[in-house]
């Protein structure tokens, strides 16, 4: 996305992708796009297929105590909404645009390290087809995720790290069955959290709260469907329609932020700088917001020679990052069962919070504004 935005300003860049084109086109990740992400994809010319195939949602449901409660997102936010469109589909659209415009995009190119970042010619070392290469550039954008090399190029003592590990994980499945709801359902149950999402009118994406060390082999398809049915059950009767499991995985949950998100001519973006638990649907949207800020700052530098926007990159991004971190932590804390809550005190507080959110216009509006993406932070 950053390379695409820079190209629109006439700025050359090279993208290193460690995986193959087929792999990144099939890698199922996030699927909920904020209004601002949708607007940016559309305005930058890569939103045509998203507009045609994406599922626009105007609300979500919070389900607890056997009852469903709809949060009308669009009504509460003056017309803003979310769009369900898989991250891998966004990636496909961006790859097509990049290659179609003749941009440099190197697949199966493993970044080995970044150095000279405090000079005016930082370097990136990478390996492709068993050969080692070095790139020199004006700037380096570290968009290489939590496990990438870019963050480790920052000298020791520069970055402050803030993190929180959660005592649970998500068992996620992709199932070949139409979604049992037209909108996402976030369910709080005394057996644990569950989420009903989708990737298309034919494919459901579902999650169950589980232990971080949960062995997948212990979860047969039958057991998964039985547990999902139990957690989504309502007094009025709610029925899932089991289908073939296309994929199963366990995702651990953490909150993580580094400050600052820049050093010298290296700028960190997305998961390289921050991680959110997936409950708030913020991960991909935060990454898109980061590179939007960075693209504008770089365009400003190339056009004017001024570095004020680049100097402010970290502070500008972190305002949105910490808002999203708080929202994601809040949603996670409200909806999941905590294993150390032996007396049930926290669970009673969670139910109280859920009742308040679903009966207070002000509280529901706050949730809706954060969920669809705040226009200004």
Protein backbone atom coordinates (compact mmCIF):
# COMPACT_ATOMS: atom_id res chain seq x y z
CA UNK A 1 0.00 0.00 0.00
CA UNK A 2 2.84 2.40 0.81
CA UNK A 3 4.52 1.70 -2.53
CA UNK A 4 1.21 2.28 -4.31
CA UNK A 5 0.68 5.64 -2.61
CA UNK A 6 4.26 6.73 -3.27
CA UNK A 7 3.95 5.83 -6.94
CA UNK A 8 0.96 8.15 -7.20
CA UNK A 9 3.33 10.94 -6.11
CA UNK A 10 5.94 9.86 -8.66
CA UNK A 11 8.27 8.40 -6.00
CA UNK A 12 10.12 5.18 -6.82
CA UNK A 13 10.37 2.36 -4.31
CA UNK A 14 11.27 -1.33 -4.11
CA UNK A 15 9.06 -3.78 -2.24
CA UNK A 16 10.65 -6.91 -0.74
CA UNK A 17 8.15 -9.71 -0.07
CA UNK A 18 9.54 -12.78 1.67
CA UNK A 19 6.78 -15.08 0.43
CA UNK A 20 5.63 -16.12 -3.04
CA UNK A 21 2.86 -14.33 -4.89
CA UNK A 22 0.61 -17.38 -4.58
CA UNK A 23 1.17 -17.59 -0.82
CA UNK A 24 0.29 -13.97 -0.04
CA UNK A 25 -2.74 -14.18 -2.30
CA UNK A 26 -4.11 -17.11 -0.29
CA UNK A 27 -3.02 -16.14 3.23
CA UNK A 28 -6.25 -15.55 5.16
CA UNK A 29 -5.90 -12.78 7.71
CA UNK A 30 -8.07 -9.82 8.72
CA UNK A 31 -11.26 -9.04 6.88
CA UNK A 32 -12.95 -5.98 8.40
CA UNK A 33 -12.11 -2.66 6.74
CA UNK A 34 -12.82 0.64 8.47
CA UNK A 35 -14.52 3.40 6.55
CA UNK A 36 -11.23 5.30 6.22
CA UNK A 37 -9.47 2.27 4.77
CA UNK A 38 -12.26 1.76 2.24
CA UNK A 39 -12.14 5.44 1.28
CA UNK A 40 -8.36 5.37 0.78
CA UNK A 41 -8.42 2.23 -1.35
CA UNK A 42 -11.17 3.73 -3.49
CA UNK A 43 -9.55 7.16 -3.84
CA UNK A 44 -6.17 5.64 -4.75
CA UNK A 45 -7.65 3.55 -7.59
CA UNK A 46 -7.48 0.04 -6.12
CA UNK A 47 -11.01 -0.25 -4.74
CA UNK A 48 -13.00 -1.34 -7.77
CA UNK A 49 -13.19 -5.07 -6.91
CA UNK A 50 -13.69 -4.26 -3.22
CA UNK A 51 -16.68 -2.09 -4.11
CA UNK A 52 -18.08 -4.90 -6.22
CA UNK A 53 -17.41 -7.90 -3.96
CA UNK A 54 -17.02 -6.46 -0.46
CA UNK A 55 -19.84 -6.89 2.04
CA UNK A 56 -20.90 -3.55 3.54
CA UNK A 57 -22.16 -3.89 7.12
CA UNK A 58 -24.13 -1.25 8.95
CA UNK A 59 -24.12 -2.91 12.37
CA UNK A 60 -22.72 -5.63 14.61
CA UNK A 61 -24.36 -7.77 17.28
CA UNK A 62 -23.27 -8.24 20.87
CA UNK A 63 -24.74 -11.49 22.20
CA UNK A 64 -24.87 -12.44 25.88
CA UNK A 65 -27.27 -14.05 28.36
CA UNK A 66 -29.09 -15.76 25.50
CA UNK A 67 -30.01 -12.46 23.80
CA UNK A 68 -28.70 -10.56 20.81
CA UNK A 69 -28.27 -6.77 20.87
CA UNK A 70 -27.55 -4.90 17.64
CA UNK A 71 -25.22 -1.89 17.60
CA UNK A 72 -26.34 0.19 14.57
CA UNK A 73 -22.92 1.43 13.45
CA UNK A 74 -24.02 3.54 10.50
CA UNK A 75 -26.90 5.18 12.35
CA UNK A 76 -24.68 6.09 15.30
CA UNK A 77 -21.76 7.45 13.25
CA UNK A 78 -23.46 9.70 10.74
CA UNK A 79 -23.35 7.27 7.82
CA UNK A 80 -20.03 5.45 8.31
CA UNK A 81 -19.85 1.67 7.98
CA UNK A 82 -17.45 -1.27 7.72
CA UNK A 83 -16.72 -3.50 4.74
CA UNK A 84 -15.90 -7.20 4.99
CA UNK A 85 -13.22 -7.84 2.38
CA UNK A 86 -10.32 -10.16 3.12
CA UNK A 87 -6.81 -8.84 3.61
CA UNK A 88 -5.55 -11.28 1.00
CA UNK A 89 -7.99 -9.73 -1.49
CA UNK A 90 -6.62 -6.25 -0.74
CA UNK A 91 -3.12 -7.65 -1.28
CA UNK A 92 -4.14 -9.18 -4.63
CA UNK A 93 -5.53 -5.85 -5.81
CA UNK A 94 -2.39 -3.98 -4.74
CA UNK A 95 -0.08 -6.54 -6.38
CA UNK A 96 -2.01 -6.28 -9.63
CA UNK A 97 -1.80 -2.48 -9.56
CA UNK A 98 1.90 -2.55 -8.69
CA UNK A 99 2.92 -4.99 -11.40
CA UNK A 100 0.57 -3.42 -13.91
CA UNK A 101 2.34 -0.09 -13.43
CA UNK A 102 5.79 -1.68 -13.74
CA UNK A 103 6.70 -1.13 -10.09
CA UNK A 104 9.50 -3.07 -8.41
CA UNK A 105 8.05 -5.94 -6.35
CA UNK A 106 10.40 -8.80 -5.49
CA UNK A 107 8.80 -12.03 -4.27
CA UNK A 108 10.63 -14.64 -2.20
CA UNK A 109 13.14 -11.98 -1.19
CA UNK A 110 14.19 -12.42 2.45
CA UNK A 111 15.36 -9.26 4.20
CA UNK A 112 18.54 -10.08 6.14
CA UNK A 113 19.18 -6.76 7.83
CA UNK A 114 19.09 -2.99 7.66
CA UNK A 115 22.04 -0.71 8.42
CA UNK A 116 23.32 2.86 8.02
CA UNK A 117 19.88 4.07 9.05
CA UNK A 118 21.34 7.16 10.73
CA UNK A 119 22.97 8.20 7.43
CA UNK A 120 21.42 9.68 4.30
CA UNK A 121 21.88 6.36 2.42
CA UNK A 122 20.43 3.52 4.52
CA UNK A 123 20.91 0.00 3.19
CA UNK A 124 18.79 -3.13 3.11
CA UNK A 125 20.42 -6.53 2.65
CA UNK A 126 18.30 -9.35 1.25
CA UNK A 127 18.54 -12.82 -0.27
CA UNK A 128 16.68 -13.98 -3.36
CA UNK A 129 17.28 -17.17 -5.34
CA UNK A 130 20.25 -18.02 -3.08
CA UNK A 131 22.00 -14.76 -3.93
CA UNK A 132 22.62 -11.87 -1.52
CA UNK A 133 21.90 -8.31 -2.62
CA UNK A 134 22.08 -4.82 -1.10
CA UNK A 135 19.74 -1.91 -1.77
CA UNK A 136 20.68 1.69 -1.05
CA UNK A 137 17.88 4.22 -0.70
CA UNK A 138 16.83 7.56 0.72
CA UNK A 139 14.56 5.94 3.31
CA UNK A 140 13.56 2.49 4.56
CA UNK A 141 10.02 1.56 5.59
CA UNK A 142 9.98 -1.38 7.98
CA UNK A 143 6.65 -3.04 7.10
CA UNK A 144 7.97 -6.52 7.88
CA UNK A 145 5.79 -7.50 10.82
CA UNK A 146 6.50 -8.37 14.43
CA UNK A 147 9.18 -10.95 13.56
CA UNK A 148 10.93 -8.89 10.88
CA UNK A 149 14.44 -7.47 10.92
CA UNK A 150 13.72 -3.75 10.66
CA UNK A 151 12.84 -3.04 14.30
CA UNK A 152 16.04 -4.79 15.41
CA UNK A 153 18.09 -2.34 13.33
CA UNK A 154 17.29 0.41 15.83
CA UNK A 155 20.14 0.79 18.35
CA UNK A 156 19.62 -0.66 21.82
CA UNK A 157 18.11 1.76 24.30
CA UNK A 158 16.25 3.86 21.73
CA UNK A 159 12.89 2.07 21.73
CA UNK A 160 10.48 1.83 24.63
CA UNK A 161 8.43 -1.36 24.53
CA UNK A 162 4.93 -1.66 25.97
CA UNK A 163 3.24 -5.04 25.86
CA UNK A 164 0.60 -7.24 27.42
CA UNK A 165 0.05 -10.97 26.98
CA UNK A 166 -3.51 -12.30 27.27
CA UNK A 167 -4.22 -15.63 29.00
CA UNK A 168 -6.25 -16.99 26.09
CA UNK A 169 -6.17 -17.43 22.33
CA UNK A 170 -8.56 -17.83 19.39
CA UNK A 171 -9.20 -21.10 17.63
CA UNK A 172 -10.16 -19.88 14.18
CA UNK A 173 -11.81 -21.85 11.40
CA UNK A 174 -12.70 -21.11 7.81
CA UNK A 175 -15.78 -23.09 6.84
CA UNK A 176 -17.52 -23.75 3.55
CA UNK A 177 -20.97 -22.72 4.72
CA UNK A 178 -23.02 -19.53 4.32
CA UNK A 179 -22.75 -17.23 7.36
CA UNK A 180 -25.59 -17.76 9.84
CA UNK A 181 -25.93 -13.99 10.22
CA UNK A 182 -25.78 -11.03 7.86
CA UNK A 183 -23.61 -9.14 10.36
CA UNK A 184 -20.77 -10.03 12.74
CA UNK A 185 -21.76 -11.51 16.09
CA UNK A 186 -19.58 -11.05 19.19
CA UNK A 187 -20.74 -13.55 21.79
CA UNK A 188 -19.90 -13.53 25.49
CA UNK A 189 -20.68 -16.86 27.15
CA UNK A 190 -19.72 -18.48 30.41
CA UNK A 191 -17.86 -21.10 28.34
CA UNK A 192 -15.84 -18.37 26.62
CA UNK A 193 -15.96 -15.86 23.78
CA UNK A 194 -17.01 -16.65 20.20
CA UNK A 195 -17.09 -14.60 17.01
CA UNK A 196 -19.11 -15.18 13.86
CA UNK A 197 -17.64 -13.45 10.83
CA UNK A 198 -17.48 -14.17 7.12
CA UNK A 199 -15.31 -13.85 4.02
CA UNK A 200 -18.03 -14.13 1.39
CA UNK A 201 -21.72 -15.12 1.13
CA UNK A 202 -20.52 -18.75 0.91
CA UNK A 203 -17.59 -18.80 3.37
CA UNK A 204 -17.85 -18.33 7.16
CA UNK A 205 -15.01 -17.29 9.46
CA UNK A 206 -15.59 -18.35 13.08
CA UNK A 207 -13.56 -18.14 16.26
CA UNK A 208 -13.63 -19.74 19.71
CA UNK A 209 -11.78 -18.59 22.79
CA UNK A 210 -9.32 -21.29 23.85
CA UNK A 211 -6.06 -21.73 25.76
CA UNK A 212 -2.87 -20.30 24.21
CA UNK A 213 -1.36 -23.80 24.18
CA UNK A 214 -4.50 -25.42 22.77
CA UNK A 215 -3.59 -28.50 20.67
CA UNK A 216 -5.48 -28.41 17.37
CA UNK A 217 -5.56 -32.19 17.27
CA UNK A 218 -7.96 -32.13 20.24
CA UNK A 219 -10.55 -30.25 18.19
CA UNK A 220 -12.41 -32.39 15.70
CA UNK A 221 -14.79 -30.68 13.27
CA UNK A 222 -17.71 -32.10 15.23
CA UNK A 223 -16.42 -30.71 18.54
CA UNK A 224 -15.84 -27.27 17.04
CA UNK A 225 -19.36 -27.03 15.63
CA UNK A 226 -20.84 -28.27 18.90
CA UNK A 227 -18.94 -25.67 20.91
CA UNK A 228 -19.79 -22.87 18.50
CA UNK A 229 -23.46 -23.77 18.68
CA UNK A 230 -23.36 -23.69 22.48
CA UNK A 231 -21.73 -20.26 22.65
CA UNK A 232 -23.96 -18.66 20.02
CA UNK A 233 -27.20 -20.17 21.38
CA UNK A 234 -30.09 -17.81 22.10
CA UNK A 235 -33.32 -18.18 24.02
CA UNK A 236 -35.20 -17.73 20.75
CA UNK A 237 -33.22 -20.49 19.06
CA UNK A 238 -30.19 -19.92 16.84
CA UNK A 239 -28.82 -22.57 14.53
CA UNK A 240 -25.48 -22.77 12.81
CA UNK A 241 -25.19 -24.79 9.61
CA UNK A 242 -22.03 -26.93 9.78
CA UNK A 243 -19.90 -27.13 6.68
CA UNK A 244 -16.53 -28.47 5.64
CA UNK A 245 -13.60 -26.98 7.55
CA UNK A 246 -11.19 -25.40 5.07
CA UNK A 247 -8.67 -24.17 7.62
CA UNK A 248 -7.96 -24.33 11.37
CA UNK A 249 -5.47 -22.32 13.41
CA UNK A 250 -4.80 -21.03 16.92
CA UNK A 251 -3.91 -17.36 17.31
CA UNK A 252 -2.35 -16.11 20.53
CA UNK A 253 -3.28 -12.61 21.67
CA UNK A 254 -1.10 -9.72 22.73
CA UNK A 255 -0.95 -5.95 22.86
CA UNK A 256 2.39 -4.48 21.80
CA UNK A 257 3.67 -0.97 21.00
CA UNK A 258 7.14 0.45 20.47
CA UNK A 259 7.95 4.12 20.78
CA UNK A 260 9.17 5.89 18.76
CA UNK A 261 8.18 4.35 15.44
CA UNK A 262 11.19 5.89 13.69
CA UNK A 263 14.94 6.26 13.99
CA UNK A 264 17.11 8.08 11.50
CA UNK A 265 15.79 7.20 8.08
CA UNK A 266 14.01 4.03 9.16
CA UNK A 267 10.25 4.22 9.70
CA UNK A 268 8.32 1.34 11.26
CA UNK A 269 4.75 0.64 10.20
CA UNK A 270 2.07 -1.94 10.98
CA UNK A 271 2.93 -5.00 13.04
CA UNK A 272 6.62 -4.07 13.13
CA UNK A 273 5.60 -1.27 15.51
CA UNK A 274 2.37 -2.41 17.14
CA UNK A 275 0.14 -5.43 17.66
CA UNK A 276 -3.49 -5.41 18.81
CA UNK A 277 -5.68 -8.32 19.88
CA UNK A 278 -8.02 -9.04 16.95
CA UNK A 279 -11.23 -8.38 18.90
CA UNK A 280 -11.42 -4.76 17.73
CA UNK A 281 -10.61 -5.51 14.05
CA UNK A 282 -7.84 -2.90 14.03
CA UNK A 283 -4.61 -4.59 12.91
CA UNK A 284 -4.74 -4.11 9.14
CA UNK A 285 -6.53 -0.78 9.47
CA UNK A 286 -3.78 0.59 11.71
CA UNK A 287 -1.13 -0.52 9.22
CA UNK A 288 -2.97 1.26 6.40
CA UNK A 289 -3.28 4.40 8.55
CA UNK A 290 0.48 4.31 9.28
CA UNK A 291 1.54 4.17 5.66
CA UNK A 292 -0.94 6.86 4.68
CA UNK A 293 0.81 9.20 7.12
CA UNK A 294 4.23 8.07 5.91
CA UNK A 295 3.39 8.45 2.22
CA UNK A 296 2.19 12.03 2.79
CA UNK A 297 5.31 12.85 4.81
CA UNK A 298 7.66 11.42 2.19
CA UNK A 299 5.83 13.21 -0.63
CA UNK A 300 6.17 16.44 1.34
CA UNK A 301 9.94 15.87 1.78
CA UNK A 302 10.53 15.13 -1.90
CA UNK A 303 8.46 18.13 -2.98
CA UNK A 304 9.82 20.71 -0.54
CA UNK A 305 12.93 19.30 1.13
CA UNK A 306 11.30 19.89 4.50
CA UNK A 307 11.35 17.14 7.12
CA UNK A 308 8.71 18.43 9.53
CA UNK A 309 6.10 15.79 8.61
CA UNK A 310 8.69 13.02 8.67
CA UNK A 311 9.92 14.21 12.07
CA UNK A 312 6.33 14.08 13.35
CA UNK A 313 5.57 10.63 11.86
CA UNK A 314 5.84 8.66 15.09
CA UNK A 315 3.86 11.11 17.22
CA UNK A 316 1.17 11.41 14.55
CA UNK A 317 0.74 7.63 14.21
CA UNK A 318 0.94 6.86 17.93
CA UNK A 319 -2.12 8.96 18.70
CA UNK A 320 -4.21 6.61 16.56
CA UNK A 321 -2.26 3.53 17.66
CA UNK A 322 -2.95 4.08 21.36
CA UNK A 323 -6.63 4.82 20.72
CA UNK A 324 -6.89 1.54 18.82
CA UNK A 325 -4.88 -0.29 21.49
CA UNK A 326 -7.30 0.90 24.14
CA UNK A 327 -10.38 0.00 22.12
CA UNK A 328 -9.03 -3.46 21.30
CA UNK A 329 -8.07 -4.08 24.95
CA UNK A 330 -11.52 -2.87 26.06
CA UNK A 331 -13.40 -5.12 23.64
CA UNK A 332 -11.18 -8.06 24.58
CA UNK A 333 -11.59 -7.48 28.32
CA UNK A 334 -15.35 -7.09 28.03
CA UNK A 335 -16.01 -10.23 26.00
CA UNK A 336 -13.55 -12.94 27.09
CA UNK A 337 -13.60 -15.17 30.16
CA UNK A 338 -10.44 -14.84 32.23
CA UNK A 339 -9.09 -18.10 33.68
CA UNK A 340 -8.16 -16.52 37.04
CA UNK A 341 -11.74 -15.26 37.62
CA UNK A 342 -12.53 -18.09 40.03
CA UNK A 343 -15.18 -16.24 41.97
CA UNK A 344 -16.90 -14.84 38.88
CA UNK A 345 -16.42 -11.22 39.96
CA UNK A 346 -14.92 -10.10 36.66
CA UNK A 347 -17.57 -11.95 34.66
CA UNK A 348 -20.30 -10.06 36.53
CA UNK A 349 -18.53 -6.79 35.72
CA UNK A 350 -18.34 -7.81 32.06
CA UNK A 351 -22.06 -8.53 31.94
CA UNK A 352 -22.75 -5.17 33.56
CA UNK A 353 -20.61 -3.45 30.93
CA UNK A 354 -22.36 -5.30 28.11
CA UNK A 355 -25.78 -4.32 29.44
CA UNK A 356 -24.66 -0.70 29.64
CA UNK A 357 -23.20 -0.63 26.13
CA UNK A 358 -26.35 -2.13 24.64
CA UNK A 359 -28.78 0.16 26.50
CA UNK A 360 -26.93 3.49 26.58
CA UNK A 361 -26.95 5.58 23.40
CA UNK A 362 -23.73 7.30 24.48
CA UNK A 363 -21.90 4.04 25.21
CA UNK A 364 -23.10 2.42 21.97
CA UNK A 365 -22.01 5.49 20.01
CA UNK A 366 -18.53 5.32 21.52
CA UNK A 367 -18.21 1.67 20.48
CA UNK A 368 -19.54 2.41 17.00
CA UNK A 369 -17.23 5.39 16.42
CA UNK A 370 -14.16 3.36 17.34
CA UNK A 371 -15.28 0.29 15.42
CA UNK A 372 -15.86 2.02 12.07
CA UNK A 373 -12.68 4.10 12.56
CA UNK A 374 -12.32 7.56 13.97
CA UNK A 375 -11.92 10.26 11.34
CA UNK A 376 -9.67 12.32 13.62
CA UNK A 377 -7.66 11.15 16.60
